[in-house]
Protein backbone atom coordinates (compact mmCIF):
# COMPACT_ATOMS: atom_id res chain seq x y z
CA MET A 1 -38.91 5.23 -69.60
CA LYS A 2 -37.53 2.33 -71.91
CA ILE A 3 -39.40 0.07 -74.10
CA VAL A 4 -37.88 -3.63 -74.02
CA ILE A 5 -38.71 -6.84 -76.14
CA ILE A 6 -40.76 -9.50 -74.24
CA PHE A 7 -41.70 -11.85 -76.90
CA ALA A 8 -40.45 -11.95 -80.62
CA ASP A 9 -40.70 -8.56 -82.24
CA THR A 10 -44.59 -8.02 -81.15
CA LEU A 11 -44.83 -7.82 -77.59
CA TYR A 12 -42.90 -5.14 -75.60
CA ALA A 13 -43.00 -3.65 -72.25
CA PHE A 14 -41.99 -0.36 -70.51
CA HIS A 15 -39.08 -0.46 -68.35
CA HIS A 16 -39.06 2.54 -65.93
CA GLN A 17 -35.88 4.02 -64.70
CA ASN A 18 -34.74 3.06 -61.30
CA GLU A 19 -36.90 -0.02 -61.69
CA ALA A 20 -35.26 -3.36 -61.34
CA GLN A 21 -37.64 -5.19 -63.78
CA ASN A 22 -39.98 -4.08 -66.83
CA GLU A 23 -43.52 -4.03 -66.22
CA PHE A 24 -44.36 -7.51 -67.64
CA ASP A 25 -41.78 -9.27 -65.52
CA LYS A 26 -42.87 -7.31 -62.51
CA VAL A 27 -46.47 -8.53 -62.68
CA ILE A 28 -45.49 -12.14 -63.66
CA GLU A 29 -43.06 -12.10 -60.50
CA LEU A 30 -45.88 -10.67 -58.18
CA TRP A 31 -48.60 -13.04 -59.38
CA THR A 32 -46.19 -16.18 -58.81
CA ASP A 33 -45.24 -14.89 -55.23
CA VAL A 34 -47.33 -17.05 -52.83
CA GLU A 35 -46.81 -14.53 -49.89
CA TYR A 36 -47.76 -11.54 -52.12
CA LEU A 37 -50.94 -13.36 -53.07
CA LYS A 38 -51.82 -14.30 -49.56
CA ASN A 39 -51.40 -10.75 -48.32
CA TYR A 40 -53.33 -9.38 -51.27
CA ALA A 41 -56.20 -11.84 -50.59
CA GLN A 42 -56.31 -10.83 -46.92
CA THR A 43 -55.96 -7.07 -47.75
CA ASN A 44 -58.99 -7.42 -50.15
CA HIS A 45 -61.10 -9.36 -47.60
CA VAL A 46 -60.98 -12.55 -49.78
CA THR A 47 -62.68 -15.46 -47.83
CA ASN A 48 -61.09 -18.42 -49.29
CA ILE A 49 -57.33 -17.53 -49.52
CA LYS A 50 -56.01 -20.94 -50.46
CA LYS A 51 -58.37 -21.00 -53.40
CA PHE A 52 -57.61 -17.42 -54.43
CA VAL A 53 -53.85 -18.10 -54.45
CA GLU A 54 -54.08 -21.45 -56.24
CA SER A 55 -56.35 -19.89 -59.02
CA ARG A 56 -53.87 -16.81 -59.47
CA LEU A 57 -51.02 -19.27 -59.95
CA ASP A 58 -52.93 -21.21 -62.37
CA GLU A 59 -54.12 -18.05 -64.22
CA VAL A 60 -50.61 -16.69 -64.55
CA ASP A 61 -49.31 -19.97 -66.18
CA GLU A 62 -52.23 -19.89 -68.77
CA ILE A 63 -51.47 -16.16 -69.48
CA GLN A 64 -47.88 -17.04 -70.27
CA ASP A 65 -48.66 -20.09 -72.30
CA PHE A 66 -51.17 -18.44 -74.40
CA LEU A 67 -49.03 -15.43 -75.04
CA GLU A 68 -45.99 -17.77 -76.04
CA GLU A 69 -48.47 -19.79 -78.17
CA LEU A 70 -49.64 -16.69 -80.04
CA THR A 71 -46.13 -15.28 -80.70
CA THR A 72 -44.65 -18.68 -81.66
CA GLU A 73 -47.64 -19.32 -84.21
CA ASN A 74 -47.31 -15.69 -85.47
CA ARG A 75 -51.03 -15.19 -84.53
CA PRO A 76 -52.31 -11.69 -83.85
CA LEU A 77 -51.96 -10.64 -80.20
CA ASP A 78 -55.53 -9.16 -80.65
CA TYR A 79 -56.68 -12.55 -79.66
CA TYR A 80 -55.66 -11.84 -76.21
CA PHE A 81 -55.69 -8.04 -75.93
CA GLU A 82 -59.10 -6.43 -76.35
CA PRO A 83 -60.26 -2.69 -76.16
CA LEU A 84 -60.36 -1.34 -72.73
CA HIS A 85 -63.29 0.80 -73.65
CA PRO A 86 -65.93 -0.35 -75.91
CA SER A 87 -65.68 2.87 -77.88
CA GLU A 88 -62.03 1.68 -78.86
CA TYR A 89 -63.31 -1.22 -81.01
CA LYS A 90 -62.42 0.95 -83.99
CA GLU A 91 -59.01 0.07 -84.71
CA ARG A 92 -56.44 2.88 -84.22
CA ILE A 93 -52.96 3.23 -83.06
CA LEU A 94 -52.37 3.81 -79.45
CA SER A 95 -55.60 2.44 -78.28
CA LEU A 96 -55.69 1.18 -74.73
CA LYS A 97 -56.09 -2.61 -74.31
CA LYS A 98 -56.62 -5.07 -71.63
CA GLY A 99 -55.23 -8.60 -71.82
CA LYS A 100 -58.14 -10.93 -70.80
CA ILE A 101 -58.70 -14.63 -70.74
CA ARG A 102 -62.25 -15.84 -69.88
CA ASN A 103 -62.79 -16.71 -66.25
CA ASN A 104 -59.23 -15.28 -65.41
CA GLN A 105 -58.94 -12.36 -62.93
CA LEU A 106 -55.45 -11.31 -64.01
CA ARG A 107 -55.22 -8.53 -66.39
CA ILE A 108 -52.40 -7.15 -68.26
CA TYR A 109 -52.70 -3.79 -69.61
CA ALA A 110 -51.19 -2.61 -72.99
CA ILE A 111 -51.19 0.14 -75.65
CA LYS A 112 -51.77 -1.16 -79.14
CA ILE A 113 -49.34 -0.23 -81.72
CA ASP A 114 -50.72 -2.26 -84.69
CA GLU A 115 -52.66 -5.71 -84.94
CA SER A 116 -49.70 -7.68 -83.45
CA SER A 117 -47.54 -5.14 -81.69
CA PHE A 118 -48.44 -4.08 -78.04
CA ILE A 119 -46.50 -2.32 -75.18
CA ILE A 120 -47.36 -3.66 -71.74
CA THR A 121 -47.77 -0.94 -69.31
CA GLY A 122 -48.61 -3.14 -66.06
CA GLY A 123 -51.06 -5.38 -64.73
CA ALA A 124 -53.56 -6.13 -62.01
CA ILE A 125 -55.74 -8.66 -60.18
CA LYS A 126 -59.38 -7.70 -61.15
CA MET A 127 -61.23 -7.31 -57.88
CA SER A 128 -63.98 -4.84 -58.99
CA GLN A 129 -66.39 -4.38 -62.12
CA THR A 130 -64.69 -1.21 -63.33
CA MET A 131 -61.05 -0.06 -63.10
CA GLN A 132 -61.85 2.98 -61.21
CA ASP A 133 -63.47 1.09 -58.35
CA HIS A 134 -60.17 -0.50 -57.11
CA PRO A 135 -57.04 1.39 -56.17
CA ASP A 136 -54.81 -1.15 -58.20
CA THR A 137 -56.77 -0.98 -61.29
CA ASN A 138 -57.27 2.63 -61.02
CA LYS A 139 -53.37 3.02 -60.77
CA GLU A 140 -53.16 0.92 -63.85
CA LEU A 141 -55.41 3.27 -65.80
CA SER A 142 -53.41 6.08 -64.91
CA LYS A 143 -50.19 4.40 -66.02
CA LEU A 144 -51.98 3.60 -69.45
CA ASN A 145 -52.65 7.00 -69.99
CA LYS A 146 -49.25 8.30 -69.06
CA ALA A 147 -47.68 5.82 -71.29
CA LYS A 148 -49.91 6.84 -74.19
CA ASP A 149 -49.13 10.50 -73.41
CA TYR A 150 -45.30 9.42 -73.48
CA LEU A 151 -45.69 7.62 -76.93
CA THR A 152 -47.64 10.62 -78.34
CA SER A 153 -44.93 13.16 -77.22
CA LYS A 154 -42.39 10.93 -79.01
CA GLY A 155 -44.28 11.16 -82.22
CA ILE A 156 -45.51 7.54 -82.41
CA VAL A 157 -48.00 7.47 -85.33
CA ASP A 158 -47.37 4.09 -86.86
CA LEU A 159 -45.30 1.02 -86.58
CA ASP A 160 -42.25 2.53 -88.27
CA SER A 161 -42.05 5.37 -85.93
CA PHE A 162 -42.32 2.95 -82.97
CA TYR A 163 -39.60 0.74 -84.36
CA GLU A 164 -37.55 3.99 -84.74
CA LEU A 165 -38.11 5.02 -81.16
CA VAL A 166 -37.21 1.48 -79.90
CA GLU A 167 -33.99 1.42 -81.90
CA GLU A 168 -33.10 5.12 -80.76
CA GLN A 169 -33.38 3.75 -77.12
CA HIS A 170 -31.04 0.63 -77.69
CA ASP A 171 -28.30 2.72 -79.37
């Protein structure tokens, strides 16, 4: 597992060994693939497939624009990422987060390192109220927990230890 930079020095993503893309690029590619979205809609019994596809394409553009705006304006990524669990509103390192824009069904999942440093672990299309109620979001919850365990095992306790790990991986 390797950590790569997505935007500036604030947004990162996991890149798993034997995978062609990092987790951020992977979900963006899926969410912009019309055939994938049509098949996803059919599998999930969506009645208006055309509207579903068009909405997801609009939403992925909205997410990319918003993240780029936050990073170029040096605004905290906390404007996009919110706690996965209400109990995690207390700010702490390695808390689980979901990227969420109002009325947007796309979710990017990440682990918070500090106010403006997050590592993306994956993403999913929200099709149920809770993560455990849909196989895709349940899989993302598992990925979040595995990533958090990985960071803990590497001794990540603050931003400095995180930067040391990233530097170490790129030497």
